[in-house]
Amino acid sequence: MIVYNVTVNIDPAIHQEWLNWMLSKHIPEVMATGCFLENKVLRLIKESENEGYTYAFQYMCESQAKLEYYQKNYAPKLQADHSSRYKDQFVAFRTVLEVIQ
């Protein structure tokens, strides 16, 4: 099992609107690709003062090949939609993890 983790720090001024958009639009679009089995949304509990809110979005995938298919065929458009909508209001990074147990 592979976990595709997207960590996002979002500007507090748009935090609630962004989170609503992520939950109602972006995540359902990611899941509709059929590349992931399930997903989780996590929030960093302890935030540094005035540095925004940090979330981790975890998408579980059955194989590295399936993830690469997603990254090639779906990720560019989905990431571009997010980036154009929230330009200069977030920082994101992505990691890929393998489930060992």
N, C-alpha and C. Protein backbone atom coordinates (compact mmCIF):
# COMPACT_ATOMS: atom_id res chain seq x y z
N MET A 1 0.85 -1.18 0.00
CA MET A 1 0.00 0.00 0.00
C MET A 1 0.89 1.24 0.00
N ILE A 2 0.50 2.21 -0.78
CA ILE A 2 1.23 3.47 -0.91
C ILE A 2 0.34 4.59 -0.37
N VAL A 3 0.95 5.53 0.34
CA VAL A 3 0.23 6.71 0.83
C VAL A 3 0.81 7.93 0.12
N TYR A 4 -0.06 8.63 -0.57
CA TYR A 4 0.29 9.89 -1.21
C TYR A 4 -0.15 10.98 -0.26
N ASN A 5 0.80 11.68 0.33
CA ASN A 5 0.54 12.68 1.36
C ASN A 5 0.78 14.07 0.79
N VAL A 6 -0.24 14.92 0.92
CA VAL A 6 -0.12 16.31 0.48
C VAL A 6 -0.29 17.18 1.72
N THR A 7 0.76 17.91 2.08
CA THR A 7 0.72 18.80 3.24
C THR A 7 0.57 20.23 2.74
N VAL A 8 -0.42 20.93 3.31
CA VAL A 8 -0.72 22.29 2.87
C VAL A 8 -0.79 23.21 4.08
N ASN A 9 -0.12 24.35 3.98
CA ASN A 9 -0.27 25.41 4.97
C ASN A 9 -1.04 26.52 4.27
N ILE A 10 -2.18 26.89 4.87
CA ILE A 10 -3.08 27.83 4.23
C ILE A 10 -3.21 29.12 5.03
N ASP A 11 -3.34 30.22 4.34
CA ASP A 11 -3.51 31.54 4.94
C ASP A 11 -4.76 31.56 5.81
N PRO A 12 -4.64 32.05 7.05
CA PRO A 12 -5.81 32.08 7.95
C PRO A 12 -6.98 32.89 7.41
N ALA A 13 -6.72 33.89 6.58
CA ALA A 13 -7.79 34.76 6.07
C ALA A 13 -8.77 33.99 5.18
N ILE A 14 -8.33 32.92 4.55
CA ILE A 14 -9.21 32.15 3.66
C ILE A 14 -9.40 30.72 4.14
N HIS A 15 -8.88 30.41 5.29
CA HIS A 15 -8.86 29.04 5.79
C HIS A 15 -10.20 28.32 5.67
N GLN A 16 -11.28 28.88 6.19
CA GLN A 16 -12.55 28.15 6.22
C GLN A 16 -13.13 27.95 4.83
N GLU A 17 -13.06 28.97 3.99
CA GLU A 17 -13.55 28.81 2.61
C GLU A 17 -12.75 27.75 1.88
N TRP A 18 -11.43 27.78 2.04
CA TRP A 18 -10.54 26.80 1.41
C TRP A 18 -10.86 25.39 1.89
N LEU A 19 -11.01 25.21 3.19
CA LEU A 19 -11.29 23.87 3.73
C LEU A 19 -12.63 23.36 3.19
N ASN A 20 -13.64 24.21 3.14
CA ASN A 20 -14.93 23.80 2.58
C ASN A 20 -14.78 23.37 1.12
N TRP A 21 -13.98 24.13 0.36
CA TRP A 21 -13.75 23.79 -1.05
C TRP A 21 -13.00 22.46 -1.18
N MET A 22 -12.00 22.26 -0.34
CA MET A 22 -11.25 21.00 -0.37
C MET A 22 -12.17 19.81 -0.10
N LEU A 23 -13.00 19.94 0.93
CA LEU A 23 -13.87 18.83 1.34
C LEU A 23 -15.02 18.59 0.37
N SER A 24 -15.55 19.64 -0.22
CA SER A 24 -16.72 19.46 -1.08
C SER A 24 -16.40 19.30 -2.56
N LYS A 25 -15.24 19.80 -2.99
CA LYS A 25 -14.91 19.77 -4.43
C LYS A 25 -13.62 19.01 -4.74
N HIS A 26 -12.50 19.47 -4.16
CA HIS A 26 -11.20 18.92 -4.57
C HIS A 26 -11.05 17.44 -4.20
N ILE A 27 -11.26 17.10 -2.94
CA ILE A 27 -11.09 15.70 -2.53
C ILE A 27 -12.03 14.77 -3.30
N PRO A 28 -13.33 15.12 -3.45
CA PRO A 28 -14.18 14.25 -4.26
C PRO A 28 -13.68 14.08 -5.70
N GLU A 29 -13.10 15.13 -6.27
CA GLU A 29 -12.54 15.00 -7.63
C GLU A 29 -11.34 14.07 -7.65
N VAL A 30 -10.49 14.16 -6.64
CA VAL A 30 -9.34 13.25 -6.56
C VAL A 30 -9.82 11.81 -6.43
N MET A 31 -10.78 11.59 -5.55
CA MET A 31 -11.28 10.23 -5.33
C MET A 31 -12.02 9.70 -6.55
N ALA A 32 -12.66 10.57 -7.31
CA ALA A 32 -13.40 10.16 -8.51
C ALA A 32 -12.48 9.63 -9.62
N THR A 33 -11.17 9.88 -9.50
CA THR A 33 -10.24 9.35 -10.51
C THR A 33 -10.17 7.83 -10.44
N GLY A 34 -10.55 7.25 -9.32
CA GLY A 34 -10.48 5.80 -9.16
C GLY A 34 -9.10 5.28 -8.83
N CYS A 35 -8.16 6.19 -8.60
CA CYS A 35 -6.78 5.79 -8.33
C CYS A 35 -6.53 5.49 -6.85
N PHE A 36 -7.42 5.92 -5.99
CA PHE A 36 -7.20 5.77 -4.55
C PHE A 36 -8.33 4.98 -3.90
N LEU A 37 -7.97 4.23 -2.89
CA LEU A 37 -8.93 3.39 -2.18
C LEU A 37 -9.66 4.14 -1.08
N GLU A 38 -8.97 5.05 -0.42
CA GLU A 38 -9.54 5.85 0.65
C GLU A 38 -8.68 7.07 0.88
N ASN A 39 -9.20 7.97 1.70
CA ASN A 39 -8.42 9.16 2.02
C ASN A 39 -8.68 9.58 3.47
N LYS A 40 -7.78 10.38 4.00
CA LYS A 40 -7.91 10.95 5.34
C LYS A 40 -7.49 12.40 5.28
N VAL A 41 -8.12 13.20 6.14
CA VAL A 41 -7.75 14.61 6.28
C VAL A 41 -7.32 14.80 7.72
N LEU A 42 -6.11 15.32 7.91
CA LEU A 42 -5.57 15.54 9.24
C LEU A 42 -5.17 17.00 9.39
N ARG A 43 -5.30 17.52 10.60
CA ARG A 43 -4.91 18.91 10.85
C ARG A 43 -3.84 18.92 11.93
N LEU A 44 -2.80 19.69 11.70
CA LEU A 44 -1.76 19.89 12.69
C LEU A 44 -2.36 20.63 13.87
N ILE A 45 -2.22 20.08 15.07
CA ILE A 45 -2.86 20.65 16.25
C ILE A 45 -2.17 21.91 16.73
N LYS A 46 -0.89 21.88 16.87
CA LYS A 46 -0.14 23.03 17.41
C LYS A 46 0.40 23.85 16.25
N GLU A 47 -0.12 25.05 16.12
CA GLU A 47 0.32 25.95 15.06
C GLU A 47 1.22 27.03 15.64
N SER A 48 2.18 27.47 14.85
CA SER A 48 2.98 28.62 15.23
C SER A 48 2.12 29.86 15.01
N GLU A 49 2.30 30.83 15.84
CA GLU A 49 1.49 32.04 15.78
C GLU A 49 1.61 32.73 14.42
N ASN A 50 0.47 33.07 13.83
CA ASN A 50 0.38 33.82 12.57
C ASN A 50 1.00 33.12 11.37
N GLU A 51 1.07 31.80 11.41
CA GLU A 51 1.66 31.10 10.27
C GLU A 51 0.66 30.25 9.52
N GLY A 52 -0.62 30.46 9.74
CA GLY A 52 -1.63 29.73 9.00
C GLY A 52 -1.99 28.40 9.63
N TYR A 53 -2.81 27.67 8.90
CA TYR A 53 -3.27 26.34 9.33
C TYR A 53 -2.61 25.30 8.45
N THR A 54 -2.21 24.18 9.05
CA THR A 54 -1.54 23.13 8.30
C THR A 54 -2.37 21.85 8.32
N TYR A 55 -2.56 21.29 7.12
CA TYR A 55 -3.32 20.06 6.95
C TYR A 55 -2.49 19.05 6.18
N ALA A 56 -2.76 17.78 6.45
CA ALA A 56 -2.19 16.69 5.66
C ALA A 56 -3.35 15.92 5.05
N PHE A 57 -3.31 15.77 3.76
CA PHE A 57 -4.32 15.00 3.03
C PHE A 57 -3.63 13.71 2.59
N GLN A 58 -4.14 12.60 3.06
CA GLN A 58 -3.53 11.31 2.75
C GLN A 58 -4.46 10.48 1.87
N TYR A 59 -3.92 10.03 0.76
CA TYR A 59 -4.66 9.22 -0.19
C TYR A 59 -3.98 7.85 -0.28
N MET A 60 -4.74 6.78 -0.01
CA MET A 60 -4.20 5.44 -0.02
C MET A 60 -4.38 4.82 -1.41
N CYS A 61 -3.30 4.26 -1.89
CA CYS A 61 -3.24 3.74 -3.25
C CYS A 61 -2.70 2.31 -3.21
N GLU A 62 -3.19 1.45 -4.08
CA GLU A 62 -2.78 0.05 -4.03
C GLU A 62 -1.36 -0.21 -4.52
N SER A 63 -0.82 0.68 -5.37
CA SER A 63 0.53 0.43 -5.90
C SER A 63 1.19 1.72 -6.37
N GLN A 64 2.48 1.66 -6.50
CA GLN A 64 3.25 2.78 -7.04
C GLN A 64 2.84 3.06 -8.47
N ALA A 65 2.56 2.01 -9.24
CA ALA A 65 2.15 2.19 -10.64
C ALA A 65 0.83 2.97 -10.73
N LYS A 66 -0.10 2.67 -9.84
CA LYS A 66 -1.39 3.38 -9.83
C LYS A 66 -1.18 4.86 -9.46
N LEU A 67 -0.29 5.11 -8.51
CA LEU A 67 0.01 6.49 -8.14
C LEU A 67 0.65 7.23 -9.32
N GLU A 68 1.58 6.60 -10.00
CA GLU A 68 2.22 7.23 -11.15
C GLU A 68 1.20 7.53 -12.25
N TYR A 69 0.23 6.65 -12.42
CA TYR A 69 -0.84 6.88 -13.38
C TYR A 69 -1.63 8.13 -13.00
N TYR A 70 -1.96 8.25 -11.72
CA TYR A 70 -2.66 9.44 -11.23
C TYR A 70 -1.82 10.69 -11.48
N GLN A 71 -0.54 10.63 -11.11
CA GLN A 71 0.33 11.80 -11.24
C GLN A 71 0.48 12.25 -12.69
N LYS A 72 0.45 11.32 -13.61
CA LYS A 72 0.59 11.65 -15.03
C LYS A 72 -0.72 12.14 -15.64
N ASN A 73 -1.83 11.50 -15.30
CA ASN A 73 -3.09 11.75 -16.00
C ASN A 73 -4.06 12.70 -15.30
N TYR A 74 -3.95 12.86 -14.01
CA TYR A 74 -4.92 13.67 -13.27
C TYR A 74 -4.31 14.81 -12.45
N ALA A 75 -3.19 14.56 -11.83
CA ALA A 75 -2.62 15.53 -10.89
C ALA A 75 -2.35 16.90 -11.50
N PRO A 76 -1.81 17.00 -12.70
CA PRO A 76 -1.51 18.34 -13.23
C PRO A 76 -2.74 19.27 -13.26
N LYS A 77 -3.88 18.79 -13.72
CA LYS A 77 -5.07 19.62 -13.78
C LYS A 77 -5.61 19.93 -12.38
N LEU A 78 -5.68 18.93 -11.52
CA LEU A 78 -6.20 19.15 -10.17
C LEU A 78 -5.32 20.12 -9.39
N GLN A 79 -4.02 19.99 -9.53
CA GLN A 79 -3.09 20.91 -8.85
C GLN A 79 -3.20 22.31 -9.43
N ALA A 80 -3.36 22.42 -10.73
CA ALA A 80 -3.49 23.72 -11.37
C ALA A 80 -4.78 24.42 -10.93
N ASP A 81 -5.86 23.66 -10.79
CA ASP A 81 -7.12 24.24 -10.31
C ASP A 81 -6.93 24.84 -8.91
N HIS A 82 -6.27 24.10 -8.04
CA HIS A 82 -6.02 24.56 -6.67
C HIS A 82 -5.10 25.78 -6.69
N SER A 83 -4.03 25.68 -7.45
CA SER A 83 -3.04 26.77 -7.49
C SER A 83 -3.62 28.07 -8.03
N SER A 84 -4.43 27.99 -9.06
CA SER A 84 -5.00 29.22 -9.62
C SER A 84 -6.05 29.80 -8.68
N ARG A 85 -6.80 28.97 -8.00
CA ARG A 85 -7.84 29.46 -7.09
C ARG A 85 -7.24 30.11 -5.85
N TYR A 86 -6.14 29.56 -5.33
CA TYR A 86 -5.55 30.04 -4.07
C TYR A 86 -4.13 30.58 -4.25
N LYS A 87 -3.86 31.15 -5.38
CA LYS A 87 -2.54 31.69 -5.70
C LYS A 87 -2.01 32.58 -4.57
N ASP A 88 -0.78 32.32 -4.17
CA ASP A 88 -0.05 33.10 -3.15
C ASP A 88 -0.68 33.04 -1.76
N GLN A 89 -1.57 32.07 -1.51
CA GLN A 89 -2.21 31.96 -0.21
C GLN A 89 -1.93 30.62 0.48
N PHE A 90 -1.05 29.82 -0.11
CA PHE A 90 -0.74 28.51 0.46
C PHE A 90 0.67 28.09 0.09
N VAL A 91 1.15 27.14 0.86
CA VAL A 91 2.40 26.44 0.54
C VAL A 91 2.06 24.96 0.65
N ALA A 92 2.51 24.16 -0.31
CA ALA A 92 2.22 22.73 -0.30
C ALA A 92 3.45 21.93 -0.65
N PHE A 93 3.52 20.73 -0.09
CA PHE A 93 4.53 19.78 -0.52
C PHE A 93 3.94 18.38 -0.48
N ARG A 94 4.48 17.52 -1.31
CA ARG A 94 3.96 16.16 -1.45
C ARG A 94 5.03 15.14 -1.10
N THR A 95 4.59 14.07 -0.44
CA THR A 95 5.48 12.96 -0.12
C THR A 95 4.76 11.66 -0.45
N VAL A 96 5.55 10.64 -0.71
CA VAL A 96 5.00 9.31 -0.99
C VAL A 96 5.59 8.38 0.06
N LEU A 97 4.70 7.64 0.72
CA LEU A 97 5.13 6.73 1.78
C LEU A 97 4.65 5.32 1.47
N GLU A 98 5.39 4.35 1.93
CA GLU A 98 5.00 2.95 1.80
C GLU A 98 4.52 2.45 3.16
N VAL A 99 3.36 1.81 3.16
CA VAL A 99 2.85 1.23 4.40
C VAL A 99 3.60 -0.08 4.65
N ILE A 100 4.24 -0.18 5.81
CA ILE A 100 5.01 -1.37 6.16
C ILE A 100 4.15 -2.34 6.97
N GLN A 101 3.34 -1.82 7.84
CA GLN A 101 2.51 -2.70 8.67
C GLN A 101 1.14 -2.11 8.87
